Amino acid sequence: MIREVIRPQQTSITIDIPQSYINKDVEFIMFALDEKDEILDIKQDDLASLGGALNRYANPSKIELESSAWEEHILDKYR
């Protein structure tokens, strides 16, 4: 993985791609670092609304088991 923070001085840049990335799918993502907090806020809002949307499917008798459900599943699977 290559990560580089730059401060562009013009509207175009040239990227040298490592030989090991040739013939592979690569992803380029560009955002201003001061936008990162905005992106994280959006994701938190999405998670909150998703939880609310799924709340109607909750089984109240199972809610107290949620905190240990994953651990119990793994223990049962590999015993």
PDB file of N, CA and C in Angstrom:
ATOM      1  N   MET A   1       0.840  -1.165   0.000  1.00  0.00           N
ATOM      2  CA  MET A   1       0.000   0.000   0.000  1.00  0.00           C
ATOM      3  C   MET A   1       0.885   1.228   0.000  1.00  0.00           C
ATOM      4  N   ILE A   2       0.481   2.208  -0.740  1.00  0.00           N
ATOM      5  CA  ILE A   2       1.197   3.472  -0.798  1.00  0.00           C
ATOM      6  C   ILE A   2       0.232   4.567  -0.366  1.00  0.00           C
ATOM      7  N   ARG A   3       0.657   5.368   0.568  1.00  0.00           N
ATOM      8  CA  ARG A   3      -0.146   6.519   0.974  1.00  0.00           C
ATOM      9  C   ARG A   3       0.770   7.721   1.001  1.00  0.00           C
ATOM     10  N   GLU A   4       0.353   8.761   0.358  1.00  0.00           N
ATOM     11  CA  GLU A   4       1.164   9.964   0.306  1.00  0.00           C
ATOM     12  C   GLU A   4       0.266  11.184   0.444  1.00  0.00           C
ATOM     13  N   VAL A   5       0.637  12.070   1.337  1.00  0.00           N
ATOM     14  CA  VAL A   5      -0.083  13.327   1.506  1.00  0.00           C
ATOM     15  C   VAL A   5       0.700  14.393   0.753  1.00  0.00           C
ATOM     16  N   ILE A   6       0.003  15.101  -0.124  1.00  0.00           N
ATOM     17  CA  ILE A   6       0.650  16.156  -0.903  1.00  0.00           C
ATOM     18  C   ILE A   6      -0.146  17.445  -0.776  1.00  0.00           C
ATOM     19  N   ARG A   7       0.479  18.548  -1.149  1.00  0.00           N
ATOM     20  CA  ARG A   7      -0.203  19.839  -1.224  1.00  0.00           C
ATOM     21  C   ARG A   7      -0.061  20.305  -2.675  1.00  0.00           C
ATOM     22  N   PRO A   8      -1.075  20.041  -3.493  1.00  0.00           N
ATOM     23  CA  PRO A   8      -0.970  20.385  -4.918  1.00  0.00           C
ATOM     24  C   PRO A   8      -0.822  21.900  -5.118  1.00  0.00           C
ATOM     25  N   GLN A   9      -0.022  22.257  -6.099  1.00  0.00           N
ATOM     26  CA  GLN A   9       0.167  23.654  -6.465  1.00  0.00           C
ATOM     27  C   GLN A   9      -0.509  23.982  -7.789  1.00  0.00           C
ATOM     28  N   GLN A  10      -1.095  22.962  -8.417  1.00  0.00           N
ATOM     29  CA  GLN A  10      -1.816  23.139  -9.673  1.00  0.00           C
ATOM     30  C   GLN A  10      -2.925  22.098  -9.747  1.00  0.00           C
ATOM     31  N   THR A  11      -3.728  22.131 -10.804  1.00  0.00           N
ATOM     32  CA  THR A  11      -4.905  21.258 -10.876  1.00  0.00           C
ATOM     33  C   THR A  11      -4.627  19.876 -11.450  1.00  0.00           C
ATOM     34  N   SER A  12      -3.420  19.604 -11.861  1.00  0.00           N
ATOM     35  CA  SER A  12      -3.114  18.267 -12.370  1.00  0.00           C
ATOM     36  C   SER A  12      -1.820  17.763 -11.745  1.00  0.00           C
ATOM     37  N   ILE A  13      -1.772  16.439 -11.544  1.00  0.00           N
ATOM     38  CA  ILE A  13      -0.567  15.798 -11.023  1.00  0.00           C
ATOM     39  C   ILE A  13      -0.292  14.540 -11.837  1.00  0.00           C
ATOM     40  N   THR A  14       0.929  14.050 -11.785  1.00  0.00           N
ATOM     41  CA  THR A  14       1.309  12.813 -12.447  1.00  0.00           C
ATOM     42  C   THR A  14       1.693  11.804 -11.372  1.00  0.00           C
ATOM     43  N   ILE A  15       1.220  10.601 -11.532  1.00  0.00           N
ATOM     44  CA  ILE A  15       1.477   9.555 -10.543  1.00  0.00           C
ATOM     45  C   ILE A  15       2.317   8.464 -11.181  1.00  0.00           C
ATOM     46  N   ASP A  16       3.429   8.132 -10.543  1.00  0.00           N
ATOM     47  CA  ASP A  16       4.242   7.000 -10.979  1.00  0.00           C
ATOM     48  C   ASP A  16       3.730   5.759 -10.269  1.00  0.00           C
ATOM     49  N   ILE A  17       3.351   4.773 -11.050  1.00  0.00           N
ATOM     50  CA  ILE A  17       2.785   3.544 -10.489  1.00  0.00           C
ATOM     51  C   ILE A  17       3.899   2.507 -10.357  1.00  0.00           C
ATOM     52  N   PRO A  18       4.046   1.898  -9.182  1.00  0.00           N
ATOM     53  CA  PRO A  18       5.077   0.875  -8.993  1.00  0.00           C
ATOM     54  C   PRO A  18       4.873  -0.308  -9.943  1.00  0.00           C
ATOM     55  N   GLN A  19       5.946  -0.900 -10.355  1.00  0.00           N
ATOM     56  CA  GLN A  19       5.899  -2.041 -11.267  1.00  0.00           C
ATOM     57  C   GLN A  19       5.034  -3.171 -10.701  1.00  0.00           C
ATOM     58  N   SER A  20       5.065  -3.351  -9.392  1.00  0.00           N
ATOM     59  CA  SER A  20       4.293  -4.434  -8.777  1.00  0.00           C
ATOM     60  C   SER A  20       2.787  -4.221  -8.888  1.00  0.00           C
ATOM     61  N   TYR A  21       2.346  -3.007  -9.228  1.00  0.00           N
ATOM     62  CA  TYR A  21       0.923  -2.723  -9.374  1.00  0.00           C
ATOM     63  C   TYR A  21       0.438  -2.872 -10.811  1.00  0.00           C
ATOM     64  N   ILE A  22       1.327  -3.101 -11.737  1.00  0.00           N
ATOM     65  CA  ILE A  22       0.941  -3.241 -13.131  1.00  0.00           C
ATOM     66  C   ILE A  22       0.054  -4.480 -13.288  1.00  0.00           C
ATOM     67  N   ASN A  23      -1.019  -4.353 -14.063  1.00  0.00           N
ATOM     68  CA  ASN A  23      -1.999  -5.409 -14.315  1.00  0.00           C
ATOM     69  C   ASN A  23      -2.796  -5.803 -13.077  1.00  0.00           C
ATOM     70  N   LYS A  24      -2.883  -4.896 -12.106  1.00  0.00           N
ATOM     71  CA  LYS A  24      -3.717  -5.122 -10.924  1.00  0.00           C
ATOM     72  C   LYS A  24      -4.727  -3.985 -10.837  1.00  0.00           C
ATOM     73  N   ASP A  25      -5.864  -4.266 -10.210  1.00  0.00           N
ATOM     74  CA  ASP A  25      -6.823  -3.204  -9.937  1.00  0.00           C
ATOM     75  C   ASP A  25      -6.269  -2.354  -8.804  1.00  0.00           C
ATOM     76  N   VAL A  26      -6.256  -1.061  -8.988  1.00  0.00           N
ATOM     77  CA  VAL A  26      -5.829  -0.135  -7.945  1.00  0.00           C
ATOM     78  C   VAL A  26      -6.907   0.915  -7.750  1.00  0.00           C
ATOM     79  N   GLU A  27      -6.931   1.518  -6.598  1.00  0.00           N
ATOM     80  CA  GLU A  27      -7.934   2.529  -6.288  1.00  0.00           C
ATOM     81  C   GLU A  27      -7.228   3.811  -5.881  1.00  0.00           C
ATOM     82  N   PHE A  28      -7.653   4.906  -6.467  1.00  0.00           N
ATOM     83  CA  PHE A  28      -7.154   6.224  -6.099  1.00  0.00           C
ATOM     84  C   PHE A  28      -8.291   6.973  -5.432  1.00  0.00           C
ATOM     85  N   ILE A  29      -8.026   7.491  -4.250  1.00  0.00           N
ATOM     86  CA  ILE A  29      -9.018   8.270  -3.526  1.00  0.00           C
ATOM     87  C   ILE A  29      -8.384   9.618  -3.204  1.00  0.00           C
ATOM     88  N   MET A  30      -9.134  10.682  -3.468  1.00  0.00           N
ATOM     89  CA  MET A  30      -8.610  11.996  -3.184  1.00  0.00           C
ATOM     90  C   MET A  30      -9.637  12.791  -2.392  1.00  0.00           C
ATOM     91  N   PHE A  31      -9.219  13.313  -1.254  1.00  0.00           N
ATOM     92  CA  PHE A  31     -10.051  14.226  -0.485  1.00  0.00           C
ATOM     93  C   PHE A  31      -9.118  15.101   0.334  1.00  0.00           C
ATOM     94  N   ALA A  32      -9.571  16.287   0.631  1.00  0.00           N
ATOM     95  CA  ALA A  32      -8.794  17.189   1.475  1.00  0.00           C
ATOM     96  C   ALA A  32      -8.815  16.650   2.899  1.00  0.00           C
ATOM     97  N   LEU A  33      -7.685  16.689   3.575  1.00  0.00           N
ATOM     98  CA  LEU A  33      -7.619  16.130   4.915  1.00  0.00           C
ATOM     99  C   LEU A  33      -8.579  16.810   5.876  1.00  0.00           C
ATOM    100  N   ASP A  34      -8.895  18.074   5.646  1.00  0.00           N
ATOM    101  CA  ASP A  34      -9.859  18.730   6.529  1.00  0.00           C
ATOM    102  C   ASP A  34     -11.288  18.263   6.267  1.00  0.00           C
ATOM    103  N   GLU A  35     -11.513  17.499   5.186  1.00  0.00           N
ATOM    104  CA  GLU A  35     -12.822  16.907   4.911  1.00  0.00           C
ATOM    105  C   GLU A  35     -12.990  15.562   5.612  1.00  0.00           C
ATOM    106  N   LYS A  36     -11.920  15.011   6.122  1.00  0.00           N
ATOM    107  CA  LYS A  36     -11.954  13.676   6.726  1.00  0.00           C
ATOM    108  C   LYS A  36     -12.958  13.621   7.875  1.00  0.00           C
ATOM    109  N   ASP A  37     -12.991  14.654   8.722  1.00  0.00           N
ATOM    110  CA  ASP A  37     -13.937  14.668   9.835  1.00  0.00           C
ATOM    111  C   ASP A  37     -15.368  14.670   9.327  1.00  0.00           C
ATOM    112  N   GLU A  38     -15.631  15.388   8.233  1.00  0.00           N
ATOM    113  CA  GLU A  38     -16.972  15.410   7.661  1.00  0.00           C
ATOM    114  C   GLU A  38     -17.368  14.024   7.173  1.00  0.00           C
ATOM    115  N   ILE A  39     -16.442  13.315   6.550  1.00  0.00           N
ATOM    116  CA  ILE A  39     -16.711  11.968   6.044  1.00  0.00           C
ATOM    117  C   ILE A  39     -17.021  11.030   7.208  1.00  0.00           C
ATOM    118  N   LEU A  40     -16.235  11.111   8.285  1.00  0.00           N
ATOM    119  CA  LEU A  40     -16.470  10.254   9.444  1.00  0.00           C
ATOM    120  C   LEU A  40     -17.807  10.570  10.095  1.00  0.00           C
ATOM    121  N   ASP A  41     -18.183  11.857  10.150  1.00  0.00           N
ATOM    122  CA  ASP A  41     -19.477  12.228  10.716  1.00  0.00           C
ATOM    123  C   ASP A  41     -20.615  11.623   9.922  1.00  0.00           C
ATOM    124  N   ILE A  42     -20.512  11.625   8.608  1.00  0.00           N
ATOM    125  CA  ILE A  42     -21.552  11.050   7.755  1.00  0.00           C
ATOM    126  C   ILE A  42     -21.697   9.558   8.043  1.00  0.00           C
ATOM    127  N   LYS A  43     -20.566   8.861   8.154  1.00  0.00           N
ATOM    128  CA  LYS A  43     -20.628   7.429   8.421  1.00  0.00           C
ATOM    129  C   LYS A  43     -21.283   7.150   9.765  1.00  0.00           C
ATOM    130  N   GLN A  44     -20.977   7.944  10.795  1.00  0.00           N
ATOM    131  CA  GLN A  44     -21.597   7.749  12.101  1.00  0.00           C
ATOM    132  C   GLN A  44     -23.103   7.961  12.016  1.00  0.00           C
ATOM    133  N   ASP A  45     -23.531   8.979  11.264  1.00  0.00           N
ATOM    134  CA  ASP A  45     -24.960   9.222  11.092  1.00  0.00           C
ATOM    135  C   ASP A  45     -25.636   8.045  10.400  1.00  0.00           C
ATOM    136  N   ASP A  46     -24.965   7.482   9.377  1.00  0.00           N
ATOM    137  CA  ASP A  46     -25.525   6.331   8.667  1.00  0.00           C
ATOM    138  C   ASP A  46     -25.681   5.143   9.609  1.00  0.00           C
ATOM    139  N   LEU A  47     -24.688   4.908  10.469  1.00  0.00           N
ATOM    140  CA  LEU A  47     -24.776   3.787  11.399  1.00  0.00           C
ATOM    141  C   LEU A  47     -25.921   3.986  12.380  1.00  0.00           C
ATOM    142  N   ALA A  48     -26.073   5.202  12.856  1.00  0.00           N
ATOM    143  CA  ALA A  48     -27.150   5.471  13.806  1.00  0.00           C
ATOM    144  C   ALA A  48     -28.509   5.238  13.154  1.00  0.00           C
ATOM    145  N   SER A  49     -28.680   5.692  11.927  1.00  0.00           N
ATOM    146  CA  SER A  49     -29.969   5.512  11.267  1.00  0.00           C
ATOM    147  C   SER A  49     -30.200   4.045  10.902  1.00  0.00           C
ATOM    148  N   LEU A  50     -29.147   3.313  10.590  1.00  0.00           N
ATOM    149  CA  LEU A  50     -29.290   1.893  10.294  1.00  0.00           C
ATOM    150  C   LEU A  50     -29.750   1.138  11.534  1.00  0.00           C
ATOM    151  N   GLY A  51     -29.144   1.456  12.673  1.00  0.00           N
ATOM    152  CA  GLY A  51     -29.566   0.813  13.912  1.00  0.00           C
ATOM    153  C   GLY A  51     -31.034   1.074  14.208  1.00  0.00           C
ATOM    154  N   GLY A  52     -31.467   2.311  13.962  1.00  0.00           N
ATOM    155  CA  GLY A  52     -32.864   2.650  14.177  1.00  0.00           C
ATOM    156  C   GLY A  52     -33.780   1.905  13.222  1.00  0.00           C
ATOM    157  N   ALA A  53     -33.344   1.754  11.988  1.00  0.00           N
ATOM    158  CA  ALA A  53     -34.157   1.068  10.987  1.00  0.00           C
ATOM    159  C   ALA A  53     -34.295  -0.420  11.309  1.00  0.00           C
ATOM    160  N   LEU A  54     -33.253  -1.005  11.883  1.00  0.00           N
ATOM    161  CA  LEU A  54     -33.284  -2.438  12.195  1.00  0.00           C
ATOM    162  C   LEU A  54     -33.895  -2.730  13.558  1.00  0.00           C
ATOM    163  N   ASN A  55     -34.128  -1.703  14.344  1.00  0.00           N
ATOM    164  CA  ASN A  55     -34.651  -1.878  15.692  1.00  0.00           C
ATOM    165  C   ASN A  55     -35.981  -2.632  15.703  1.00  0.00           C
ATOM    166  N   ARG A  56     -36.780  -2.462  14.683  1.00  0.00           N
ATOM    167  CA  ARG A  56     -38.089  -3.127  14.674  1.00  0.00           C
ATOM    168  C   ARG A  56     -37.981  -4.646  14.587  1.00  0.00           C
ATOM    169  N   TYR A  57     -36.799  -5.155  14.168  1.00  0.00           N
ATOM    170  CA  TYR A  57     -36.600  -6.598  14.073  1.00  0.00           C
ATOM    171  C   TYR A  57     -35.976  -7.185  15.343  1.00  0.00           C
ATOM    172  N   ALA A  58     -35.688  -6.345  16.320  1.00  0.00           N
ATOM    173  CA  ALA A  58     -35.016  -6.802  17.534  1.00  0.00           C
ATOM    174  C   ALA A  58     -35.927  -7.718  18.347  1.00  0.00           C
ATOM    175  N   ASN A  59     -35.305  -8.716  18.918  1.00  0.00           N
ATOM    176  CA  ASN A  59     -36.016  -9.613  19.829  1.00  0.00           C
ATOM    177  C   ASN A  59     -35.602  -9.206  21.243  1.00  0.00           C
ATOM    178  N   PRO A  60     -36.481  -8.552  22.009  1.00  0.00           N
ATOM    179  CA  PRO A  60     -36.115  -8.040  23.326  1.00  0.00           C
ATOM    180  C   PRO A  60     -35.543  -9.100  24.262  1.00  0.00           C
ATOM    181  N   SER A  61     -35.963 -10.331  24.120  1.00  0.00           N
ATOM    182  CA  SER A  61     -35.453 -11.370  25.012  1.00  0.00           C
ATOM    183  C   SER A  61     -34.003 -11.750  24.699  1.00  0.00           C
ATOM    184  N   LYS A  62     -33.498 -11.366  23.546  1.00  0.00           N
ATOM    185  CA  LYS A  62     -32.133 -11.716  23.144  1.00  0.00           C
ATOM    186  C   LYS A  62     -31.149 -10.557  23.267  1.00  0.00           C
ATOM    187  N   ILE A  63     -31.632  -9.355  23.525  1.00  0.00           N
ATOM    188  CA  ILE A  63     -30.770  -8.178  23.551  1.00  0.00           C
ATOM    189  C   ILE A  63     -29.654  -8.319  24.580  1.00  0.00           C
ATOM    190  N   GLU A  64     -29.955  -8.869  25.756  1.00  0.00           N
ATOM    191  CA  GLU A  64     -28.924  -8.996  26.789  1.00  0.00           C
ATOM    192  C   GLU A  64     -27.835  -9.998  26.389  1.00  0.00           C
ATOM    193  N   LEU A  65     -28.089 -10.868  25.425  1.00  0.00           N
ATOM    194  CA  LEU A  65     -27.100 -11.852  24.967  1.00  0.00           C
ATOM    195  C   LEU A  65     -26.155 -11.301  23.907  1.00  0.00           C
ATOM    196  N   GLU A  66     -26.463 -10.123  23.367  1.00  0.00           N
ATOM    197  CA  GLU A  66     -25.684  -9.580  22.255  1.00  0.00           C
ATOM    198  C   GLU A  66     -24.218  -9.350  22.585  1.00  0.00           C
ATOM    199  N   SER A  67     -23.921  -8.873  23.783  1.00  0.00           N
ATOM    200  CA  SER A  67     -22.539  -8.512  24.106  1.00  0.00           C
ATOM    201  C   SER A  67     -21.595  -9.708  24.071  1.00  0.00           C
ATOM    202  N   SER A  68     -22.087 -10.908  24.322  1.00  0.00           N
ATOM    203  CA  SER A  68     -21.216 -12.084  24.326  1.00  0.00           C
ATOM    204  C   SER A  68     -21.514 -13.049  23.184  1.00  0.00           C
ATOM    205  N   ALA A  69     -22.370 -12.669  22.261  1.00  0.00           N
ATOM    206  CA  ALA A  69     -22.809 -13.592  21.205  1.00  0.00           C
ATOM    207  C   ALA A  69     -21.656 -14.051  20.317  1.00  0.00           C
ATOM    208  N   TRP A  70     -20.797 -13.133  19.910  1.00  0.00           N
ATOM    209  CA  TRP A  70     -19.703 -13.504  19.005  1.00  0.00           C
ATOM    210  C   TRP A  70     -18.735 -14.448  19.713  1.00  0.00           C
ATOM    211  N   GLU A  71     -18.371 -14.136  20.930  1.00  0.00           N
ATOM    212  CA  GLU A  71     -17.458 -14.977  21.688  1.00  0.00           C
ATOM    213  C   GLU A  71     -18.049 -16.377  21.873  1.00  0.00           C
ATOM    214  N   GLU A  72     -19.316 -16.458  22.211  1.00  0.00           N
ATOM    215  CA  GLU A  72     -19.978 -17.751  22.386  1.00  0.00           C
ATOM    216  C   GLU A  72     -19.999 -18.545  21.079  1.00  0.00           C
ATOM    217  N   HIS A  73     -20.258 -17.860  19.968  1.00  0.00           N
ATOM    218  CA  HIS A  73     -20.282 -18.532  18.667  1.00  0.00           C
ATOM    219  C   HIS A  73     -18.919 -19.143  18.348  1.00  0.00           C
ATOM    220  N   ILE A  74     -17.857 -18.377  18.552  1.00  0.00           N
ATOM    221  CA  ILE A  74     -16.507 -18.868  18.254  1.00  0.00           C
ATOM    222  C   ILE A  74     -16.154 -20.041  19.162  1.00  0.00           C
ATOM    223  N   LEU A  75     -16.476 -19.930  20.437  1.00  0.00           N
ATOM    224  CA  LEU A  75     -16.191 -21.035  21.349  1.00  0.00           C
ATOM    225  C   LEU A  75     -16.937 -22.302  20.938  1.00  0.00           C
ATOM    226  N   ASP A  76     -18.206 -22.170  20.594  1.00  0.00           N
ATOM    227  CA  ASP A  76     -18.986 -23.333  20.149  1.00  0.00           C
ATOM    228  C   ASP A  76     -18.441 -23.919  18.854  1.00  0.00           C
ATOM    229  N   LYS A  77     -18.032 -23.059  17.946  1.00  0.00           N
ATOM    230  CA  LYS A  77     -17.562 -23.521  16.640  1.00  0.00           C
ATOM    231  C   LYS A  77     -16.260 -24.308  16.755  1.00  0.00           C
ATOM    232  N   TYR A  78     -15.345 -23.901  17.645  1.00  0.00           N
ATOM    233  CA  TYR A  78     -14.020 -24.518  17.689  1.00  0.00           C
ATOM    234  C   TYR A  78     -13.811 -25.435  18.890  1.00  0.00           C
ATOM    235  N   ARG A  79     -14.858 -25.787  19.572  1.00  0.00           N
ATOM    236  CA  ARG A  79     -14.711 -26.759  20.679  1.00  0.00           C
ATOM    237  C   ARG A  79     -14.590 -28.145  20.160  1.00  0.00           C
TER     238      ARG A  79
END
